[in-house]
Amino acid sequence: MTIARKQQICVETTPYYHIMSRCVRQAFLCGKNKHTGESYEHRRQWLVDRIKKVASVFAIDVCSYAVMSNHFHLVLRIGDTSHWTDKQVLIAWLSLYSLPVLCQRYLQDDVTDESELKRVQKDVAIYRDRLCSISWFMKKSSGMIFHVSPEGVSLRDETNKSVNEYTHGQSKC
């Protein structure tokens, strides 16, 4: 039985973790599909570029990586955001996600009410935790790669393997 990543990670014990993510349904991430002969090697750089982009925002360092034909490995070091200011946290989060209007106003020094400031601080605490989370790091690193390429082409479309093709005529239970 699988155990949630959150329950497996203890930063106090070690900040270093080996992470592996793989494709399902015999899909190819990179390399040459031996069944069809098609090459998906161009995706390797997409993944590497995306991991570098996300690592530049998160408080997580990529110590090493390996991209294989249907999976990839990362060795990550979880950092700390406790020394980041609230504005640094919001700016980092904004580089990958949208912010609530109140947080945007805070970045423009347009929050003066105490209740609004408390709400912003709650959001900052959430984003601060997420910027140290391997789960959020992986979601933003690989999730986008498996759905949309930099050119806007769905990798599912590119390989002509949509979810509907797999479930057509089958129960979705």
N, C-alpha and C. Protein backbone atom coordinates (compact mmCIF):
# COMPACT_ATOMS: atom_id res chain seq x y z
N MET A 1 0.84 -1.18 0.00
CA MET A 1 0.00 0.00 0.00
C MET A 1 0.88 1.24 0.00
N THR A 2 0.51 2.22 -0.80
CA THR A 2 1.30 3.44 -0.88
C THR A 2 1.04 4.32 0.34
N ILE A 3 2.05 5.10 0.67
CA ILE A 3 1.97 6.03 1.80
C ILE A 3 2.13 7.43 1.23
N ALA A 4 1.30 8.34 1.68
CA ALA A 4 1.37 9.72 1.21
C ALA A 4 2.75 10.31 1.46
N ARG A 5 3.23 11.08 0.49
CA ARG A 5 4.56 11.69 0.58
C ARG A 5 4.69 12.51 1.87
N LYS A 6 3.61 13.18 2.25
CA LYS A 6 3.62 14.02 3.44
C LYS A 6 3.96 13.21 4.70
N GLN A 7 3.53 11.95 4.73
CA GLN A 7 3.78 11.10 5.88
C GLN A 7 5.17 10.46 5.84
N GLN A 8 5.82 10.47 4.69
CA GLN A 8 7.13 9.84 4.56
C GLN A 8 8.28 10.81 4.80
N ILE A 9 8.02 12.09 4.66
CA ILE A 9 9.09 13.09 4.72
C ILE A 9 9.20 13.69 6.10
N CYS A 10 10.43 13.69 6.60
CA CYS A 10 10.74 14.32 7.89
C CYS A 10 12.00 15.15 7.68
N VAL A 11 11.84 16.44 7.50
CA VAL A 11 12.96 17.32 7.20
C VAL A 11 13.96 17.36 8.36
N GLU A 12 13.48 17.14 9.57
CA GLU A 12 14.39 17.14 10.73
C GLU A 12 15.39 15.98 10.64
N THR A 13 14.96 14.85 10.05
CA THR A 13 15.83 13.69 9.90
C THR A 13 16.83 13.90 8.78
N THR A 14 16.33 14.29 7.62
CA THR A 14 17.20 14.60 6.47
C THR A 14 16.45 15.52 5.51
N PRO A 15 17.16 16.49 4.94
CA PRO A 15 16.52 17.36 3.96
C PRO A 15 16.62 16.80 2.53
N TYR A 16 17.30 15.66 2.34
CA TYR A 16 17.52 15.10 1.01
C TYR A 16 16.55 13.96 0.72
N TYR A 17 15.98 13.97 -0.49
CA TYR A 17 15.02 12.93 -0.88
C TYR A 17 15.18 12.56 -2.34
N HIS A 18 15.06 11.28 -2.61
CA HIS A 18 15.06 10.75 -3.97
C HIS A 18 13.60 10.59 -4.39
N ILE A 19 13.24 11.23 -5.49
CA ILE A 19 11.87 11.21 -5.99
C ILE A 19 11.87 10.60 -7.38
N MET A 20 10.88 9.78 -7.65
CA MET A 20 10.73 9.18 -8.97
C MET A 20 9.29 9.40 -9.43
N SER A 21 9.13 9.78 -10.68
CA SER A 21 7.81 9.97 -11.26
C SER A 21 7.80 9.26 -12.60
N ARG A 22 6.73 8.49 -12.85
CA ARG A 22 6.70 7.72 -14.10
C ARG A 22 5.40 7.95 -14.85
N CYS A 23 5.44 7.61 -16.13
CA CYS A 23 4.26 7.66 -16.98
C CYS A 23 3.46 6.39 -16.77
N VAL A 24 2.20 6.44 -17.11
CA VAL A 24 1.33 5.28 -16.99
C VAL A 24 0.84 4.84 -18.36
N ARG A 25 0.23 3.68 -18.42
CA ARG A 25 -0.39 3.15 -19.64
C ARG A 25 0.61 3.02 -20.80
N GLN A 26 1.83 2.66 -20.49
CA GLN A 26 2.89 2.45 -21.48
C GLN A 26 3.17 3.70 -22.32
N ALA A 27 2.88 4.87 -21.78
CA ALA A 27 3.15 6.12 -22.48
C ALA A 27 4.65 6.41 -22.40
N PHE A 28 5.16 7.13 -23.38
CA PHE A 28 6.57 7.49 -23.40
C PHE A 28 6.72 8.96 -23.04
N LEU A 29 7.63 9.22 -22.12
CA LEU A 29 7.97 10.58 -21.76
C LEU A 29 9.02 11.11 -22.73
N CYS A 30 10.07 10.33 -22.92
CA CYS A 30 11.19 10.69 -23.80
C CYS A 30 11.65 9.44 -24.53
N GLY A 31 12.57 9.63 -25.45
CA GLY A 31 13.13 8.48 -26.15
C GLY A 31 12.29 8.04 -27.32
N LYS A 32 12.57 6.84 -27.79
CA LYS A 32 11.90 6.31 -28.97
C LYS A 32 10.95 5.19 -28.55
N ASN A 33 9.72 5.28 -29.03
CA ASN A 33 8.72 4.25 -28.76
C ASN A 33 9.04 3.06 -29.66
N LYS A 34 9.39 1.94 -29.04
CA LYS A 34 9.80 0.79 -29.84
C LYS A 34 8.64 0.15 -30.60
N HIS A 35 7.40 0.45 -30.18
CA HIS A 35 6.24 -0.11 -30.87
C HIS A 35 5.85 0.69 -32.11
N THR A 36 5.97 2.02 -32.02
CA THR A 36 5.56 2.87 -33.15
C THR A 36 6.73 3.46 -33.91
N GLY A 37 7.91 3.47 -33.27
CA GLY A 37 9.08 4.06 -33.90
C GLY A 37 9.16 5.57 -33.76
N GLU A 38 8.16 6.18 -33.12
CA GLU A 38 8.16 7.64 -32.96
C GLU A 38 9.16 8.06 -31.88
N SER A 39 9.80 9.19 -32.08
CA SER A 39 10.75 9.72 -31.11
C SER A 39 10.11 10.85 -30.31
N TYR A 40 10.25 10.78 -29.02
CA TYR A 40 9.75 11.82 -28.12
C TYR A 40 10.91 12.48 -27.38
N GLU A 41 12.08 12.41 -27.97
CA GLU A 41 13.29 12.93 -27.32
C GLU A 41 13.20 14.43 -27.04
N HIS A 42 12.44 15.16 -27.86
CA HIS A 42 12.31 16.61 -27.68
C HIS A 42 11.69 16.97 -26.32
N ARG A 43 10.96 16.04 -25.72
CA ARG A 43 10.32 16.31 -24.43
C ARG A 43 11.31 16.38 -23.28
N ARG A 44 12.46 15.75 -23.43
CA ARG A 44 13.46 15.72 -22.35
C ARG A 44 13.83 17.14 -21.93
N GLN A 45 14.10 18.00 -22.91
CA GLN A 45 14.49 19.37 -22.59
C GLN A 45 13.32 20.14 -21.97
N TRP A 46 12.10 19.87 -22.42
CA TRP A 46 10.93 20.52 -21.81
C TRP A 46 10.91 20.24 -20.31
N LEU A 47 11.11 18.99 -19.95
CA LEU A 47 11.06 18.59 -18.55
C LEU A 47 12.19 19.22 -17.76
N VAL A 48 13.40 19.18 -18.29
CA VAL A 48 14.56 19.77 -17.61
C VAL A 48 14.34 21.27 -17.41
N ASP A 49 13.87 21.96 -18.43
CA ASP A 49 13.62 23.40 -18.33
C ASP A 49 12.56 23.70 -17.27
N ARG A 50 11.51 22.89 -17.24
CA ARG A 50 10.43 23.11 -16.27
C ARG A 50 10.92 22.88 -14.85
N ILE A 51 11.69 21.83 -14.64
CA ILE A 51 12.23 21.55 -13.30
C ILE A 51 13.12 22.70 -12.85
N LYS A 52 13.96 23.22 -13.74
CA LYS A 52 14.84 24.35 -13.39
C LYS A 52 14.01 25.59 -13.04
N LYS A 53 12.97 25.86 -13.81
CA LYS A 53 12.10 27.02 -13.54
C LYS A 53 11.46 26.91 -12.16
N VAL A 54 10.88 25.75 -11.87
CA VAL A 54 10.20 25.57 -10.59
C VAL A 54 11.21 25.61 -9.44
N ALA A 55 12.37 25.02 -9.63
CA ALA A 55 13.40 25.03 -8.58
C ALA A 55 13.89 26.45 -8.29
N SER A 56 13.84 27.32 -9.28
CA SER A 56 14.27 28.71 -9.06
C SER A 56 13.29 29.48 -8.18
N VAL A 57 12.07 28.97 -8.04
CA VAL A 57 11.04 29.64 -7.25
C VAL A 57 10.90 28.99 -5.87
N PHE A 58 10.87 27.67 -5.83
CA PHE A 58 10.67 26.95 -4.58
C PHE A 58 11.93 26.97 -3.72
N ALA A 59 11.77 26.70 -2.44
CA ALA A 59 12.90 26.56 -1.52
C ALA A 59 13.36 25.10 -1.53
N ILE A 60 13.51 24.57 -2.74
CA ILE A 60 13.93 23.19 -2.94
C ILE A 60 15.02 23.20 -4.00
N ASP A 61 16.15 22.58 -3.68
CA ASP A 61 17.26 22.50 -4.63
C ASP A 61 17.25 21.15 -5.32
N VAL A 62 17.55 21.15 -6.61
CA VAL A 62 17.70 19.90 -7.36
C VAL A 62 19.19 19.55 -7.32
N CYS A 63 19.50 18.48 -6.60
CA CYS A 63 20.90 18.05 -6.48
C CYS A 63 21.34 17.25 -7.70
N SER A 64 20.44 16.43 -8.22
CA SER A 64 20.71 15.69 -9.45
C SER A 64 19.40 15.22 -10.05
N TYR A 65 19.47 14.85 -11.33
CA TYR A 65 18.28 14.33 -12.00
C TYR A 65 18.69 13.37 -13.11
N ALA A 66 17.75 12.51 -13.49
CA ALA A 66 17.93 11.61 -14.63
C ALA A 66 16.56 11.48 -15.29
N VAL A 67 16.50 11.73 -16.59
CA VAL A 67 15.26 11.63 -17.34
C VAL A 67 15.36 10.40 -18.23
N MET A 68 14.48 9.44 -17.99
CA MET A 68 14.48 8.18 -18.74
C MET A 68 13.31 8.20 -19.74
N SER A 69 13.11 7.10 -20.46
CA SER A 69 12.08 7.07 -21.50
C SER A 69 10.66 7.18 -20.94
N ASN A 70 10.39 6.58 -19.78
CA ASN A 70 9.02 6.64 -19.24
C ASN A 70 8.97 7.10 -17.79
N HIS A 71 10.07 7.61 -17.26
CA HIS A 71 10.09 8.12 -15.89
C HIS A 71 11.30 9.03 -15.69
N PHE A 72 11.32 9.72 -14.56
CA PHE A 72 12.49 10.52 -14.23
C PHE A 72 12.75 10.45 -12.73
N HIS A 73 14.00 10.69 -12.38
CA HIS A 73 14.44 10.67 -10.98
C HIS A 73 14.96 12.06 -10.62
N LEU A 74 14.69 12.47 -9.40
CA LEU A 74 15.24 13.71 -8.86
C LEU A 74 15.80 13.44 -7.47
N VAL A 75 16.92 14.05 -7.16
CA VAL A 75 17.40 14.08 -5.78
C VAL A 75 17.23 15.54 -5.36
N LEU A 76 16.39 15.74 -4.35
CA LEU A 76 16.01 17.09 -3.92
C LEU A 76 16.49 17.36 -2.51
N ARG A 77 16.81 18.62 -2.25
CA ARG A 77 17.12 19.07 -0.89
C ARG A 77 16.08 20.11 -0.51
N ILE A 78 15.34 19.83 0.54
CA ILE A 78 14.31 20.76 1.00
C ILE A 78 14.97 21.87 1.79
N GLY A 79 14.67 23.10 1.39
CA GLY A 79 15.21 24.27 2.06
C GLY A 79 14.26 24.82 3.10
N ASP A 80 14.42 26.10 3.38
CA ASP A 80 13.66 26.75 4.44
C ASP A 80 13.25 28.14 3.96
N THR A 81 12.00 28.51 4.21
CA THR A 81 11.52 29.85 3.83
C THR A 81 11.31 30.74 5.05
N SER A 82 11.72 30.30 6.21
CA SER A 82 11.44 31.08 7.42
C SER A 82 12.12 32.45 7.39
N HIS A 83 13.23 32.58 6.67
CA HIS A 83 13.93 33.87 6.59
C HIS A 83 13.40 34.75 5.45
N TRP A 84 12.47 34.24 4.64
CA TRP A 84 11.87 35.03 3.57
C TRP A 84 10.85 35.99 4.15
N THR A 85 10.82 37.21 3.63
CA THR A 85 9.78 38.15 4.06
C THR A 85 8.45 37.72 3.45
N ASP A 86 7.37 38.27 4.00
CA ASP A 86 6.05 37.97 3.45
C ASP A 86 5.96 38.36 1.97
N LYS A 87 6.55 39.48 1.63
CA LYS A 87 6.52 39.92 0.23
C LYS A 87 7.33 38.99 -0.67
N GLN A 88 8.46 38.48 -0.18
CA GLN A 88 9.25 37.53 -0.96
C GLN A 88 8.46 36.25 -1.22
N VAL A 89 7.73 35.79 -0.22
CA VAL A 89 6.90 34.59 -0.38
C VAL A 89 5.83 34.83 -1.45
N LEU A 90 5.15 35.96 -1.36
CA LEU A 90 4.08 36.26 -2.32
C LEU A 90 4.62 36.44 -3.74
N ILE A 91 5.76 37.08 -3.87
CA ILE A 91 6.34 37.27 -5.20
C ILE A 91 6.77 35.92 -5.79
N ALA A 92 7.34 35.07 -4.97
CA ALA A 92 7.73 33.73 -5.44
C ALA A 92 6.49 32.96 -5.89
N TRP A 93 5.45 32.98 -5.07
CA TRP A 93 4.22 32.26 -5.41
C TRP A 93 3.60 32.82 -6.69
N LEU A 94 3.63 34.13 -6.83
CA LEU A 94 3.05 34.80 -7.99
C LEU A 94 3.77 34.43 -9.29
N SER A 95 5.02 34.04 -9.22
CA SER A 95 5.74 33.68 -10.44
C SER A 95 5.26 32.37 -11.05
N LEU A 96 4.51 31.57 -10.28
CA LEU A 96 3.96 30.31 -10.80
C LEU A 96 2.45 30.21 -10.71
N TYR A 97 1.85 30.95 -9.79
CA TYR A 97 0.41 30.88 -9.55
C TYR A 97 -0.15 32.29 -9.46
N SER A 98 -1.47 32.39 -9.53
CA SER A 98 -2.10 33.69 -9.32
C SER A 98 -2.31 33.91 -7.82
N LEU A 99 -2.45 35.15 -7.45
CA LEU A 99 -2.67 35.51 -6.04
C LEU A 99 -4.06 36.08 -5.85
N PRO A 100 -4.62 35.91 -4.66
CA PRO A 100 -5.89 36.60 -4.36
C PRO A 100 -5.68 38.11 -4.46
N VAL A 101 -6.75 38.82 -4.73
CA VAL A 101 -6.68 40.27 -4.90
C VAL A 101 -6.10 40.94 -3.66
N LEU A 102 -6.46 40.47 -2.50
CA LEU A 102 -5.96 41.07 -1.27
C LEU A 102 -4.43 40.95 -1.17
N CYS A 103 -3.88 39.82 -1.58
CA CYS A 103 -2.42 39.64 -1.58
C CYS A 103 -1.76 40.54 -2.62
N GLN A 104 -2.42 40.72 -3.76
CA GLN A 104 -1.90 41.63 -4.78
C GLN A 104 -1.87 43.06 -4.24
N ARG A 105 -2.93 43.43 -3.53
CA ARG A 105 -2.97 44.77 -2.92
C ARG A 105 -1.87 44.93 -1.88
N TYR A 106 -1.60 43.88 -1.11
CA TYR A 106 -0.53 43.91 -0.11
C TYR A 106 0.82 44.16 -0.77
N LEU A 107 1.06 43.54 -1.91
CA LEU A 107 2.32 43.75 -2.63
C LEU A 107 2.47 45.19 -3.11
N GLN A 108 1.34 45.88 -3.30
CA GLN A 108 1.35 47.27 -3.72
C GLN A 108 1.24 48.23 -2.53
N ASP A 109 1.43 47.68 -1.32
CA ASP A 109 1.32 48.46 -0.07
C ASP A 109 -0.03 49.14 0.06
N ASP A 110 -1.08 48.42 -0.34
CA ASP A 110 -2.43 48.96 -0.33
C ASP A 110 -3.34 48.23 0.68
N VAL A 111 -2.73 47.61 1.70
CA VAL A 111 -3.51 46.95 2.75
C VAL A 111 -3.22 47.68 4.06
N THR A 112 -4.25 48.32 4.60
CA THR A 112 -4.07 49.09 5.84
C THR A 112 -4.92 48.55 6.98
N ASP A 113 -5.99 47.87 6.67
CA ASP A 113 -6.88 47.33 7.68
C ASP A 113 -6.27 46.11 8.36
N GLU A 114 -6.38 46.03 9.68
CA GLU A 114 -5.80 44.93 10.46
C GLU A 114 -6.38 43.57 10.07
N SER A 115 -7.68 43.51 9.81
CA SER A 115 -8.31 42.24 9.43
C SER A 115 -7.81 41.77 8.06
N GLU A 116 -7.60 42.72 7.15
CA GLU A 116 -7.07 42.36 5.83
C GLU A 116 -5.63 41.85 5.95
N LEU A 117 -4.86 42.51 6.80
CA LEU A 117 -3.47 42.10 7.02
C LEU A 117 -3.41 40.69 7.61
N LYS A 118 -4.30 40.37 8.53
CA LYS A 118 -4.34 39.02 9.10
C LYS A 118 -4.68 37.98 8.04
N ARG A 119 -5.59 38.32 7.12
CA ARG A 119 -5.95 37.40 6.04
C ARG A 119 -4.75 37.16 5.11
N VAL A 120 -4.02 38.22 4.80
CA VAL A 120 -2.83 38.10 3.96
C VAL A 120 -1.79 37.22 4.67
N GLN A 121 -1.62 37.41 5.96
CA GLN A 121 -0.64 36.62 6.71
C GLN A 121 -1.00 35.13 6.73
N LYS A 122 -2.30 34.83 6.77
CA LYS A 122 -2.74 33.43 6.69
C LYS A 122 -2.38 32.84 5.33
N ASP A 123 -2.63 33.60 4.26
CA ASP A 123 -2.28 33.13 2.92
C ASP A 123 -0.77 32.95 2.79
N VAL A 124 0.00 33.89 3.31
CA VAL A 124 1.46 33.80 3.25
C VAL A 124 1.94 32.54 3.97
N ALA A 125 1.37 32.22 5.09
CA ALA A 125 1.77 31.02 5.84
C ALA A 125 1.52 29.76 4.99
N ILE A 126 0.40 29.74 4.29
CA ILE A 126 0.08 28.59 3.42
C ILE A 126 1.10 28.50 2.28
N TYR A 127 1.36 29.62 1.61
CA TYR A 127 2.30 29.63 0.49
C TYR A 127 3.72 29.31 0.97
N ARG A 128 4.09 29.79 2.14
CA ARG A 128 5.42 29.52 2.69
C ARG A 128 5.62 28.01 2.86
N ASP A 129 4.61 27.33 3.41
CA ASP A 129 4.69 25.87 3.56
C ASP A 129 4.76 25.18 2.20
N ARG A 130 3.94 25.62 1.27
CA ARG A 130 3.91 24.99 -0.06
C ARG A 130 5.22 25.17 -0.81
N LEU A 131 5.91 26.28 -0.61
CA LEU A 131 7.18 26.52 -1.29
C LEU A 131 8.30 25.63 -0.77
N CYS A 132 8.04 24.88 0.29
CA CYS A 132 8.99 23.89 0.82
C CYS A 132 8.45 22.47 0.65
N SER A 133 7.36 22.31 -0.06
CA SER A 133 6.70 21.02 -0.19
C SER A 133 7.13 20.29 -1.47
N ILE A 134 7.61 19.06 -1.30
CA ILE A 134 7.97 18.26 -2.47
C ILE A 134 6.74 17.95 -3.31
N SER A 135 5.62 17.72 -2.66
CA SER A 135 4.39 17.44 -3.41
C SER A 135 4.01 18.60 -4.32
N TRP A 136 4.05 19.81 -3.79
CA TRP A 136 3.73 20.98 -4.62
C TRP A 136 4.80 21.19 -5.69
N PHE A 137 6.05 20.93 -5.34
CA PHE A 137 7.14 21.04 -6.31
C PHE A 137 6.91 20.08 -7.48
N MET A 138 6.58 18.84 -7.18
CA MET A 138 6.37 17.84 -8.22
C MET A 138 5.12 18.15 -9.04
N LYS A 139 4.09 18.62 -8.37
CA LYS A 139 2.86 18.98 -9.08
C LYS A 139 3.15 20.05 -10.14
N LYS A 140 3.93 21.04 -9.76
CA LYS A 140 4.21 22.13 -10.69
C LYS A 140 5.30 21.76 -11.69
N SER A 141 6.21 20.87 -11.32
CA SER A 141 7.29 20.48 -12.24
C SER A 141 6.80 19.55 -13.33
N SER A 142 6.21 18.45 -12.93
CA SER A 142 5.86 17.43 -13.92
C SER A 142 4.41 17.48 -14.38
N GLY A 143 3.53 17.99 -13.56
CA GLY A 143 2.13 18.03 -13.94
C GLY A 143 1.89 18.78 -15.23
N MET A 144 2.54 19.90 -15.40
CA MET A 144 2.39 20.69 -16.61
C MET A 144 2.99 19.98 -17.82
N ILE A 145 4.10 19.30 -17.64
CA ILE A 145 4.77 18.62 -18.74
C ILE A 145 3.88 17.52 -19.31
N PHE A 146 3.22 16.79 -18.41
CA PHE A 146 2.41 15.67 -18.86
C PHE A 146 1.11 16.12 -19.51
N HIS A 147 0.75 17.38 -19.37
CA HIS A 147 -0.50 17.85 -19.95
C HIS A 147 -0.30 18.77 -21.15
N VAL A 148 0.61 19.74 -21.03
CA VAL A 148 0.78 20.70 -22.12
C VAL A 148 2.26 20.99 -22.31
N SER A 149 2.70 20.92 -23.55
CA SER A 149 4.08 21.22 -23.88
C SER A 149 4.27 22.73 -23.99
N PRO A 150 5.51 23.21 -24.09
CA PRO A 150 5.73 24.64 -24.25
C PRO A 150 5.04 25.23 -25.49
N GLU A 151 4.83 24.41 -26.51
CA GLU A 151 4.18 24.90 -27.72
C GLU A 151 2.67 24.85 -27.61
N GLY A 152 2.13 24.42 -26.45
CA GLY A 152 0.69 24.35 -26.27
C GLY A 152 0.08 23.05 -26.75
N VAL A 153 0.90 22.09 -27.17
CA VAL A 153 0.39 20.81 -27.65
C VAL A 153 0.26 19.87 -26.46
N SER A 154 -0.90 19.28 -26.30
CA SER A 154 -1.09 18.31 -25.23
C SER A 154 -0.26 17.08 -25.53
N LEU A 155 0.47 16.59 -24.55
CA LEU A 155 1.26 15.38 -24.76
C LEU A 155 0.33 14.19 -25.00
N ARG A 156 -0.87 14.26 -24.44
CA ARG A 156 -1.85 13.22 -24.72
C ARG A 156 -2.25 13.26 -26.19
N ASP A 157 -2.44 14.49 -26.72
CA ASP A 157 -2.78 14.62 -28.14
C ASP A 157 -1.62 14.15 -29.01
N GLU A 158 -0.41 14.52 -28.59
CA GLU A 158 0.77 14.19 -29.36
C GLU A 158 0.94 12.68 -29.50
N THR A 159 0.65 11.95 -28.47
CA THR A 159 0.80 10.50 -28.53
C THR A 159 -0.51 9.82 -28.90
N ASN A 160 -1.56 10.63 -29.09
CA ASN A 160 -2.88 10.13 -29.48
C ASN A 160 -3.42 9.11 -28.47
N LYS A 161 -3.17 9.38 -27.20
CA LYS A 161 -3.65 8.48 -26.14
C LYS A 161 -4.41 9.29 -25.11
N SER A 162 -5.61 9.63 -25.41
CA SER A 162 -6.41 10.38 -24.46
C SER A 162 -7.05 9.44 -23.45
N VAL A 163 -7.48 9.98 -22.35
CA VAL A 163 -8.14 9.18 -21.33
C VAL A 163 -9.38 8.52 -21.90
N ASN A 164 -10.10 9.20 -22.76
CA ASN A 164 -11.32 8.63 -23.33
C ASN A 164 -11.04 7.37 -24.14
N GLU A 165 -9.89 7.32 -24.81
CA GLU A 165 -9.56 6.12 -25.59
C GLU A 165 -9.37 4.91 -24.68
N TYR A 166 -8.83 5.16 -23.49
CA TYR A 166 -8.58 4.06 -22.57
C TYR A 166 -9.85 3.60 -21.86
N THR A 167 -10.78 4.53 -21.65
CA THR A 167 -11.98 4.19 -20.88
C THR A 167 -13.20 3.97 -21.75
N HIS A 168 -13.08 4.14 -23.06
CA HIS A 168 -14.23 3.98 -23.95
C HIS A 168 -14.82 2.58 -23.80
N GLY A 169 -16.08 2.54 -23.45
CA GLY A 169 -16.76 1.26 -23.32
C GLY A 169 -16.48 0.54 -22.02
N GLN A 170 -15.69 1.15 -21.14
CA GLN A 170 -15.36 0.52 -19.86
C GLN A 170 -16.01 1.32 -18.73
N SER A 171 -16.26 0.63 -17.66
CA SER A 171 -16.79 1.30 -16.46
C SER A 171 -15.72 2.21 -15.90
N LYS A 172 -16.11 3.36 -15.42
CA LYS A 172 -15.15 4.31 -14.85
C LYS A 172 -15.11 4.21 -13.34
N CYS A 173 -15.46 3.08 -12.79
CA CYS A 173 -15.43 2.88 -11.34
C CYS A 173 -14.02 2.80 -10.81
